[in-house]
């Protein structure tokens, strides 16, 4: 903590910005003429090594190495990695009425002709999720769905149930980046 305070104090004292030019002295760019802009404020070299003041040495305290200031900008890792959408609800239903699932469950009759996978998704930005339908472990359908920025974006996909025999089904919701967001299992008997 003491090291950060020293570094902060040094940065404040070493990097003062002074603007002494008046508005008339600042050159402007003209469409017909390229002008090199002068540096109006200067401080010490950013690549200079900053040495913290000597501290009292303790036998138990490890020695600190000097901090090297650099003009290299570190990449903003959080900007490059967009947060994944979050599935807040995932149900299988026999119908969708007024954008809401009807007759939800995990067991459906073999005479069911179509089932719906209804999901609510929270997303900070527009993205695409994919509903992947499996029957007895075999991929039956892949359905991409566009999602907008919302705390509860409702969307659904459907699958025609063609085989009248009993089957174990699973629907996975996959992010645009390929991550598994959620899944649900159900049976048709």
Protein backbone atom coordinates (compact mmCIF):
# COMPACT_ATOMS: atom_id res chain seq x y z
CA UNK A 1 0.00 0.00 0.00
CA UNK A 2 2.89 2.35 0.89
CA UNK A 3 4.45 1.61 -2.51
CA UNK A 4 1.28 2.66 -4.38
CA UNK A 5 1.10 5.94 -2.44
CA UNK A 6 4.72 6.72 -3.34
CA UNK A 7 4.11 5.88 -6.99
CA UNK A 8 0.97 8.03 -7.09
CA UNK A 9 2.82 10.97 -5.50
CA UNK A 10 5.66 10.66 -8.00
CA UNK A 11 3.29 10.53 -10.96
CA UNK A 12 1.45 13.65 -9.81
CA UNK A 13 4.69 15.59 -9.34
CA UNK A 14 6.33 14.34 -12.55
CA UNK A 15 3.47 14.81 -14.99
CA UNK A 16 2.14 18.37 -14.63
CA UNK A 17 0.46 19.72 -17.70
CA UNK A 18 0.83 23.41 -18.42
CA UNK A 19 -0.95 25.08 -21.27
CA UNK A 20 0.62 28.43 -22.03
CA UNK A 21 -0.43 29.03 -25.61
CA UNK A 22 -3.31 31.34 -26.34
CA UNK A 23 -6.03 30.40 -28.82
CA UNK A 24 -4.37 32.52 -31.52
CA UNK A 25 -1.10 30.57 -31.22
CA UNK A 26 -2.69 27.13 -31.69
CA UNK A 27 -2.41 26.09 -35.35
CA UNK A 28 -5.43 24.63 -37.13
CA UNK A 29 -5.60 22.28 -40.07
CA UNK A 30 -6.77 23.59 -43.39
CA UNK A 31 -8.06 21.32 -46.18
CA UNK A 32 -5.30 22.61 -48.48
CA UNK A 33 -2.40 22.65 -46.05
CA UNK A 34 -0.97 20.07 -43.67
CA UNK A 35 0.46 21.59 -40.50
CA UNK A 36 2.47 19.78 -37.88
CA UNK A 37 0.93 20.41 -34.46
CA UNK A 38 3.51 21.48 -31.86
CA UNK A 39 3.55 19.81 -28.47
CA UNK A 40 2.03 22.37 -26.09
CA UNK A 41 2.70 20.58 -22.83
CA UNK A 42 5.74 18.57 -21.90
CA UNK A 43 6.77 16.66 -18.84
CA UNK A 44 9.65 14.32 -18.10
CA UNK A 45 10.22 11.29 -20.27
CA UNK A 46 7.63 8.59 -19.59
CA UNK A 47 10.26 5.87 -19.98
CA UNK A 48 12.35 7.18 -17.06
CA UNK A 49 12.87 4.74 -14.21
CA UNK A 50 11.06 5.77 -11.05
CA UNK A 51 12.82 4.85 -7.83
CA UNK A 52 10.79 4.82 -4.63
CA UNK A 53 12.40 6.62 -1.69
CA UNK A 54 14.49 4.35 0.54
CA UNK A 55 12.42 2.70 3.25
CA UNK A 56 13.48 1.29 6.54
CA UNK A 57 14.47 -2.31 5.98
CA UNK A 58 12.90 -5.01 8.05
CA UNK A 59 14.37 -8.50 8.20
CA UNK A 60 10.92 -9.97 7.49
CA UNK A 61 10.03 -7.56 4.69
CA UNK A 62 10.97 -8.62 1.15
CA UNK A 63 12.79 -6.01 -0.89
CA UNK A 64 10.73 -4.28 -3.56
CA UNK A 65 12.02 -3.89 -7.07
CA UNK A 66 11.88 -0.47 -8.69
CA UNK A 67 8.78 0.32 -10.71
CA UNK A 68 9.33 0.94 -14.40
CA UNK A 69 6.92 3.43 -15.93
CA UNK A 70 6.15 2.76 -19.55
CA UNK A 71 4.29 4.43 -22.35
CA UNK A 72 2.91 1.05 -23.44
CA UNK A 73 -0.86 0.91 -23.09
CA UNK A 74 -2.13 -2.39 -21.75
CA UNK A 75 -5.07 -3.90 -23.64
CA UNK A 76 -8.47 -3.53 -22.03
CA UNK A 77 -9.37 -7.18 -21.57
CA UNK A 78 -12.91 -6.44 -20.37
CA UNK A 79 -13.73 -4.54 -23.55
CA UNK A 80 -12.63 -7.45 -25.73
CA UNK A 81 -14.68 -10.02 -23.82
CA UNK A 82 -18.38 -9.35 -24.00
CA UNK A 83 -20.41 -10.79 -21.13
CA UNK A 84 -22.44 -13.86 -22.02
CA UNK A 85 -26.21 -13.60 -22.12
CA UNK A 86 -27.90 -15.23 -19.13
CA UNK A 87 -30.86 -17.61 -19.47
CA UNK A 88 -33.37 -16.78 -16.72
CA UNK A 89 -36.10 -19.21 -17.81
CA UNK A 90 -36.14 -22.35 -19.95
CA UNK A 91 -39.27 -24.50 -20.32
CA UNK A 92 -40.74 -26.98 -22.78
CA UNK A 93 -44.39 -26.33 -23.65
CA UNK A 94 -47.09 -27.77 -25.88
CA UNK A 95 -48.09 -24.28 -27.11
CA UNK A 96 -47.21 -20.58 -27.02
CA UNK A 97 -50.10 -18.16 -26.54
CA UNK A 98 -49.57 -14.38 -26.29
CA UNK A 99 -45.80 -15.00 -26.20
CA UNK A 100 -46.14 -17.16 -23.06
CA UNK A 101 -45.61 -20.94 -22.73
CA UNK A 102 -48.72 -23.09 -22.15
CA UNK A 103 -48.85 -26.61 -20.69
CA UNK A 104 -45.20 -26.80 -19.63
CA UNK A 105 -43.60 -29.96 -18.34
CA UNK A 106 -40.93 -32.62 -18.64
CA UNK A 107 -43.20 -35.51 -19.83
CA UNK A 108 -45.33 -35.29 -22.95
CA UNK A 109 -47.69 -37.69 -24.68
CA UNK A 110 -46.52 -39.55 -27.80
CA UNK A 111 -49.47 -38.09 -29.69
CA UNK A 112 -48.01 -34.56 -29.24
CA UNK A 113 -47.35 -33.17 -32.70
CA UNK A 114 -45.19 -30.14 -31.83
CA UNK A 115 -43.27 -28.93 -28.78
CA UNK A 116 -41.85 -25.49 -28.02
CA UNK A 117 -38.71 -24.48 -26.16
CA UNK A 118 -39.48 -21.11 -24.54
CA UNK A 119 -36.64 -19.12 -23.00
CA UNK A 120 -36.13 -15.75 -21.33
CA UNK A 121 -32.69 -14.28 -21.77
CA UNK A 122 -30.97 -11.31 -20.13
CA UNK A 123 -28.39 -9.71 -22.41
CA UNK A 124 -26.42 -6.47 -22.30
CA UNK A 125 -26.35 -6.23 -26.08
CA UNK A 126 -27.75 -7.69 -29.25
CA UNK A 127 -26.55 -11.23 -29.87
CA UNK A 128 -27.63 -14.60 -31.24
CA UNK A 129 -28.37 -17.70 -29.21
CA UNK A 130 -29.04 -21.13 -30.66
CA UNK A 131 -31.58 -23.74 -29.53
CA UNK A 132 -30.16 -27.18 -30.33
CA UNK A 133 -32.71 -30.03 -30.15
CA UNK A 134 -31.52 -33.62 -29.47
CA UNK A 135 -33.57 -36.85 -29.64
CA UNK A 136 -31.97 -39.85 -27.90
CA UNK A 137 -28.60 -38.07 -28.13
CA UNK A 138 -28.85 -37.37 -31.88
CA UNK A 139 -28.94 -33.73 -33.02
CA UNK A 140 -32.31 -33.10 -34.68
CA UNK A 141 -32.40 -29.31 -35.17
CA UNK A 142 -30.26 -26.20 -34.75
CA UNK A 143 -32.27 -22.98 -34.57
CA UNK A 144 -30.48 -19.58 -34.27
CA UNK A 145 -32.50 -16.85 -32.53
CA UNK A 146 -31.68 -13.12 -32.43
CA UNK A 147 -31.69 -11.53 -28.99
CA UNK A 148 -31.82 -7.82 -28.24
CA UNK A 149 -30.46 -5.96 -25.24
CA UNK A 150 -33.00 -6.58 -22.47
CA UNK A 151 -33.29 -7.94 -18.96
CA UNK A 152 -35.98 -10.45 -20.07
CA UNK A 153 -36.00 -11.09 -23.82
CA UNK A 154 -38.54 -13.83 -24.62
CA UNK A 155 -37.91 -16.16 -27.53
CA UNK A 156 -38.78 -19.71 -28.53
CA UNK A 157 -38.23 -22.43 -31.07
CA UNK A 158 -40.37 -25.43 -31.94
CA UNK A 159 -39.88 -28.97 -33.15
CA UNK A 160 -42.32 -31.30 -34.86
CA UNK A 161 -42.45 -34.59 -33.00
CA UNK A 162 -42.55 -37.16 -35.82
CA UNK A 163 -41.73 -40.48 -34.16
CA UNK A 164 -44.61 -41.90 -32.08
CA UNK A 165 -42.18 -44.05 -30.03
CA UNK A 166 -40.86 -43.02 -26.65
CA UNK A 167 -37.79 -40.81 -26.76
CA UNK A 168 -35.55 -38.83 -24.47
CA UNK A 169 -35.15 -35.22 -25.62
CA UNK A 170 -32.80 -32.41 -24.66
CA UNK A 171 -32.62 -28.78 -25.74
CA UNK A 172 -29.38 -26.86 -25.25
CA UNK A 173 -29.07 -23.08 -25.50
CA UNK A 174 -25.71 -22.08 -26.95
CA UNK A 175 -24.21 -18.57 -26.99
CA UNK A 176 -22.87 -16.88 -30.10
CA UNK A 177 -19.37 -17.74 -28.82
CA UNK A 178 -20.29 -21.43 -28.52
CA UNK A 179 -20.73 -21.64 -24.73
CA UNK A 180 -23.49 -23.74 -23.22
CA UNK A 181 -25.83 -21.32 -21.44
CA UNK A 182 -28.57 -23.74 -20.30
CA UNK A 183 -30.21 -27.04 -21.12
CA UNK A 184 -33.35 -28.98 -20.25
CA UNK A 185 -34.30 -32.63 -20.60
CA UNK A 186 -37.78 -34.08 -21.23
CA UNK A 187 -39.42 -37.25 -22.48
CA UNK A 188 -42.09 -38.06 -25.02
CA UNK A 189 -43.94 -41.35 -24.25
